[in-house]
C-alpha atoms as a PDB file:
ATOM      1  CA  MET A   1     144.979 -24.869-127.199  1.00  0.00           C
ATOM      2  CA  GLY A   2     143.791 -23.252-123.979  1.00  0.00           C
ATOM      3  CA  ALA A   3     140.045 -23.624-124.517  1.00  0.00           C
ATOM      4  CA  GLU A   4     137.843 -22.262-121.747  1.00  0.00           C
ATOM      5  CA  SER A   5     134.900 -24.595-122.301  1.00  0.00           C
ATOM      6  CA  ASN A   6     134.181 -28.060-123.592  1.00  0.00           C
ATOM      7  CA  ALA A   7     133.032 -28.214-127.187  1.00  0.00           C
ATOM      8  CA  TYR A   8     130.652 -30.849-128.458  1.00  0.00           C
ATOM      9  CA  TYR A   9     129.441 -32.407-131.683  1.00  0.00           C
ATOM     10  CA  ILE A  10     125.887 -32.939-132.775  1.00  0.00           C
ATOM     11  CA  MET A  11     125.358 -36.676-133.044  1.00  0.00           C
ATOM     12  CA  ASP A  12     123.593 -38.466-135.881  1.00  0.00           C
ATOM     13  CA  GLY A  13     121.573 -40.811-133.668  1.00  0.00           C
ATOM     14  CA  PRO A  14     119.975 -41.175-130.245  1.00  0.00           C
ATOM     15  CA  PRO A  15     122.006 -40.374-127.088  1.00  0.00           C
ATOM     16  CA  GLY A  16     124.652 -43.002-126.393  1.00  0.00           C
ATOM     17  CA  VAL A  17     124.224 -44.574-129.826  1.00  0.00           C
ATOM     18  CA  GLY A  18     124.898 -41.807-132.349  1.00  0.00           C
ATOM     19  CA  ARG A  19     128.262 -40.815-133.698  1.00  0.00           C
ATOM     20  CA  GLU A  20     129.847 -37.573-134.823  1.00  0.00           C
ATOM     21  CA  PHE A  21     129.586 -36.790-138.493  1.00  0.00           C
ATOM     22  CA  SER A  22     132.479 -35.172-140.285  1.00  0.00           C
ATOM     23  CA  GLY A  23     132.187 -31.687-141.671  1.00  0.00           C
ATOM     24  CA  ALA A  24     129.425 -30.265-139.473  1.00  0.00           C
ATOM     25  CA  GLY A  25     127.966 -30.082-136.029  1.00  0.00           C
ATOM     26  CA  ILE A  26     130.766 -28.783-133.802  1.00  0.00           C
ATOM     27  CA  ASN A  27     129.619 -26.371-131.114  1.00  0.00           C
ATOM     28  CA  ALA A  28     131.981 -24.198-129.064  1.00  0.00           C
ATOM     29  CA  THR A  29     132.078 -20.755-127.528  1.00  0.00           C
ATOM     30  CA  LEU A  30     132.960 -17.704-129.593  1.00  0.00           C
ATOM     31  CA  ARG A  31     136.220 -17.250-127.642  1.00  0.00           C
ATOM     32  CA  ASP A  32     137.224 -20.871-128.184  1.00  0.00           C
ATOM     33  CA  PHE A  33     136.476 -20.626-131.906  1.00  0.00           C
ATOM     34  CA  ALA A  34     138.733 -17.530-131.878  1.00  0.00           C
ATOM     35  CA  ARG A  35     141.460 -19.498-130.073  1.00  0.00           C
ATOM     36  CA  PHE A  36     141.166 -22.156-132.772  1.00  0.00           C
ATOM     37  CA  GLY A  37     141.485 -19.455-135.464  1.00  0.00           C
ATOM     38  CA  LEU A  38     144.573 -17.996-133.757  1.00  0.00           C
ATOM     39  CA  MET A  39     146.118 -21.456-133.541  1.00  0.00           C
ATOM     40  CA  VAL A  40     145.592 -21.883-137.299  1.00  0.00           C
ATOM     41  CA  LEU A  41     146.890 -18.353-137.988  1.00  0.00           C
ATOM     42  CA  ASN A  42     149.999 -19.187-135.952  1.00  0.00           C
ATOM     43  CA  GLY A  43     150.803 -22.244-138.055  1.00  0.00           C
ATOM     44  CA  GLY A  44     149.369 -24.799-135.641  1.00  0.00           C
ATOM     45  CA  GLU A  45     150.860 -23.440-132.424  1.00  0.00           C
ATOM     46  CA  ALA A  46     149.004 -22.157-129.365  1.00  0.00           C
ATOM     47  CA  ASN A  47     150.451 -21.010-126.060  1.00  0.00           C
ATOM     48  CA  GLY A  48     153.907 -22.247-127.061  1.00  0.00           C
ATOM     49  CA  HIS A  49     152.709 -25.758-127.933  1.00  0.00           C
ATOM     50  CA  ARG A  50     152.459 -27.482-131.296  1.00  0.00           C
ATOM     51  CA  ILE A  51     148.817 -28.565-131.740  1.00  0.00           C
ATOM     52  CA  VAL A  52     148.645 -29.278-135.484  1.00  0.00           C
ATOM     53  CA  SER A  53     151.380 -29.761-138.081  1.00  0.00           C
ATOM     54  CA  SER A  54     152.122 -26.546-139.985  1.00  0.00           C
ATOM     55  CA  GLN A  55     152.552 -28.622-143.149  1.00  0.00           C
ATOM     56  CA  TRP A  56     149.069 -30.085-142.760  1.00  0.00           C
ATOM     57  CA  LEU A  57     147.576 -26.623-142.191  1.00  0.00           C
ATOM     58  CA  ALA A  58     149.296 -25.295-145.313  1.00  0.00           C
ATOM     59  CA  GLU A  59     147.911 -28.217-147.315  1.00  0.00           C
ATOM     60  CA  SER A  60     144.427 -27.944-145.800  1.00  0.00           C
ATOM     61  CA  THR A  61     144.114 -24.254-146.672  1.00  0.00           C
ATOM     62  CA  ARG A  62     145.262 -24.660-150.271  1.00  0.00           C
ATOM     63  CA  PRO A  63     142.339 -24.483-152.713  1.00  0.00           C
ATOM     64  CA  THR A  64     141.711 -27.759-154.487  1.00  0.00           C
ATOM     65  CA  GLY A  65     138.699 -26.713-156.531  1.00  0.00           C
ATOM     66  CA  GLY A  66     135.104 -26.180-155.666  1.00  0.00           C
ATOM     67  CA  PRO A  67     132.755 -23.260-156.114  1.00  0.00           C
ATOM     68  CA  GLY A  68     133.768 -19.622-155.751  1.00  0.00           C
ATOM     69  CA  PRO A  69     137.396 -18.888-154.891  1.00  0.00           C
ATOM     70  CA  GLY A  70     137.934 -22.546-153.956  1.00  0.00           C
ATOM     71  CA  TYR A  71     137.842 -25.092-151.191  1.00  0.00           C
ATOM     72  CA  GLY A  72     140.449 -26.947-149.109  1.00  0.00           C
ATOM     73  CA  TYR A  73     139.967 -29.447-146.263  1.00  0.00           C
ATOM     74  CA  GLN A  74     136.917 -27.882-144.578  1.00  0.00           C
ATOM     75  CA  TRP A  75     138.208 -24.391-145.461  1.00  0.00           C
ATOM     76  CA  TRP A  76     136.515 -22.153-148.002  1.00  0.00           C
ATOM     77  CA  MET A  77     138.822 -19.665-149.667  1.00  0.00           C
ATOM     78  CA  GLY A  78     137.908 -16.041-148.957  1.00  0.00           C
ATOM     79  CA  GLU A  79     137.234 -13.258-151.434  1.00  0.00           C
ATOM     80  CA  LYS A  80     140.670 -11.793-150.686  1.00  0.00           C
ATOM     81  CA  PRO A  81     143.467 -13.986-152.090  1.00  0.00           C
ATOM     82  CA  GLY A  82     145.196 -15.889-149.296  1.00  0.00           C
ATOM     83  CA  SER A  83     142.294 -15.628-146.847  1.00  0.00           C
ATOM     84  CA  PHE A  84     140.200 -18.635-145.884  1.00  0.00           C
ATOM     85  CA  GLN A  85     137.293 -19.473-143.611  1.00  0.00           C
ATOM     86  CA  ALA A  86     135.429 -22.239-141.895  1.00  0.00           C
ATOM     87  CA  ILE A  87     131.746 -21.701-142.611  1.00  0.00           C
ATOM     88  CA  GLY A  88     129.116 -23.297-140.416  1.00  0.00           C
ATOM     89  CA  LEU A  89     125.526 -24.039-141.227  1.00  0.00           C
ATOM     90  CA  GLN A  90     123.451 -20.893-141.717  1.00  0.00           C
ATOM     91  CA  GLY A  91     125.809 -18.204-140.446  1.00  0.00           C
ATOM     92  CA  GLN A  92     128.850 -19.287-138.395  1.00  0.00           C
ATOM     93  CA  TYR A  93     132.291 -18.186-139.579  1.00  0.00           C
ATOM     94  CA  ILE A  94     135.923 -18.425-138.562  1.00  0.00           C
ATOM     95  CA  TYR A  95     137.645 -16.079-141.029  1.00  0.00           C
ATOM     96  CA  ILE A  96     141.449 -15.973-141.232  1.00  0.00           C
ATOM     97  CA  ASP A  97     143.564 -13.548-143.249  1.00  0.00           C
ATOM     98  CA  PRO A  98     147.259 -14.369-142.743  1.00  0.00           C
ATOM     99  CA  ALA A  99     148.420 -11.251-144.644  1.00  0.00           C
ATOM    100  CA  THR A 100     146.849  -8.928-142.070  1.00  0.00           C
ATOM    101  CA  ARG A 101     147.033 -11.414-139.149  1.00  0.00           C
ATOM    102  CA  THR A 102     143.270 -11.179-138.755  1.00  0.00           C
ATOM    103  CA  VAL A 103     140.914 -13.698-137.160  1.00  0.00           C
ATOM    104  CA  ILE A 104     137.202 -12.919-137.094  1.00  0.00           C
ATOM    105  CA  VAL A 105     134.564 -15.171-135.558  1.00  0.00           C
ATOM    106  CA  LYS A 106     130.931 -14.540-136.441  1.00  0.00           C
ATOM    107  CA  LEU A 107     128.154 -16.508-134.788  1.00  0.00           C
ATOM    108  CA  SER A 108     124.809 -15.738-136.370  1.00  0.00           C
ATOM    109  CA  TYR A 109     121.775 -17.263-137.997  1.00  0.00           C
ATOM    110  CA  PHE A 110     120.776 -16.972-141.642  1.00  0.00           C
ATOM    111  CA  PRO A 111     117.299 -18.251-142.492  1.00  0.00           C
ATOM    112  CA  PRO A 112     117.323 -21.225-144.879  1.00  0.00           C
ATOM    113  CA  GLY A 113     117.535 -20.070-148.492  1.00  0.00           C
ATOM    114  CA  ASP A 114     118.862 -16.586-147.615  1.00  0.00           C
ATOM    115  CA  THR A 115     121.647 -15.858-150.119  1.00  0.00           C
ATOM    116  CA  THR A 116     122.027 -12.147-149.353  1.00  0.00           C
ATOM    117  CA  ALA A 117     123.399 -12.592-145.824  1.00  0.00           C
ATOM    118  CA  GLY A 118     126.351 -14.709-147.011  1.00  0.00           C
ATOM    119  CA  THR A 119     127.275 -12.167-149.695  1.00  0.00           C
ATOM    120  CA  GLU A 120     127.089  -9.313-147.183  1.00  0.00           C
ATOM    121  CA  THR A 121     129.146 -11.272-144.667  1.00  0.00           C
ATOM    122  CA  ALA A 122     131.880 -11.983-147.245  1.00  0.00           C
ATOM    123  CA  ALA A 123     132.118  -8.274-148.051  1.00  0.00           C
ATOM    124  CA  PHE A 124     132.231  -7.375-144.354  1.00  0.00           C
ATOM    125  CA  LEU A 125     134.971  -9.927-143.548  1.00  0.00           C
ATOM    126  CA  THR A 126     137.118  -8.695-146.435  1.00  0.00           C
ATOM    127  CA  ALA A 127     136.655  -5.051-145.415  1.00  0.00           C
ATOM    128  CA  ALA A 128     137.259  -5.734-141.721  1.00  0.00           C
ATOM    129  CA  SER A 129     140.520  -7.563-142.383  1.00  0.00           C
ATOM    130  CA  ALA A 130     141.750  -4.644-144.516  1.00  0.00           C
ATOM    131  CA  TRP A 131     140.979  -2.056-141.819  1.00  0.00           C
ATOM    132  CA  SER A 132     143.784  -0.710-139.663  1.00  0.00           C
ATOM    133  CA  PRO A 133     143.645   1.908-136.909  1.00  0.00           C
ATOM    134  CA  ARG A 134     145.265   5.227-137.644  1.00  0.00           C
END
């Protein structure tokens, strides 16, 4: 994928004993999260190499139910039809809009219980992906 730095998972136990837990805890740099988003946007390819099956990506980003616009395999559907996003705990986002070929990474912190920040972020991501330079 061409990552610049090693990523890591938060473990669920003491050092050397714990194990990764699915669905949360991955830490990477903003640029590497963006590379991941571009790989997904490009159907699983990065730097001319197949990283992930395009069929699996299509299936994983198809809504299968859940709250709001829907949920796939670790992807929340965006406000704009066809867009989707990985949402981390309390303010991390990888937003992808295939229609406009947009990838936005947002690393931030929302205090526990803050519902306003997520609503504002969703509106911003939708607006930013619709913007085009004149």
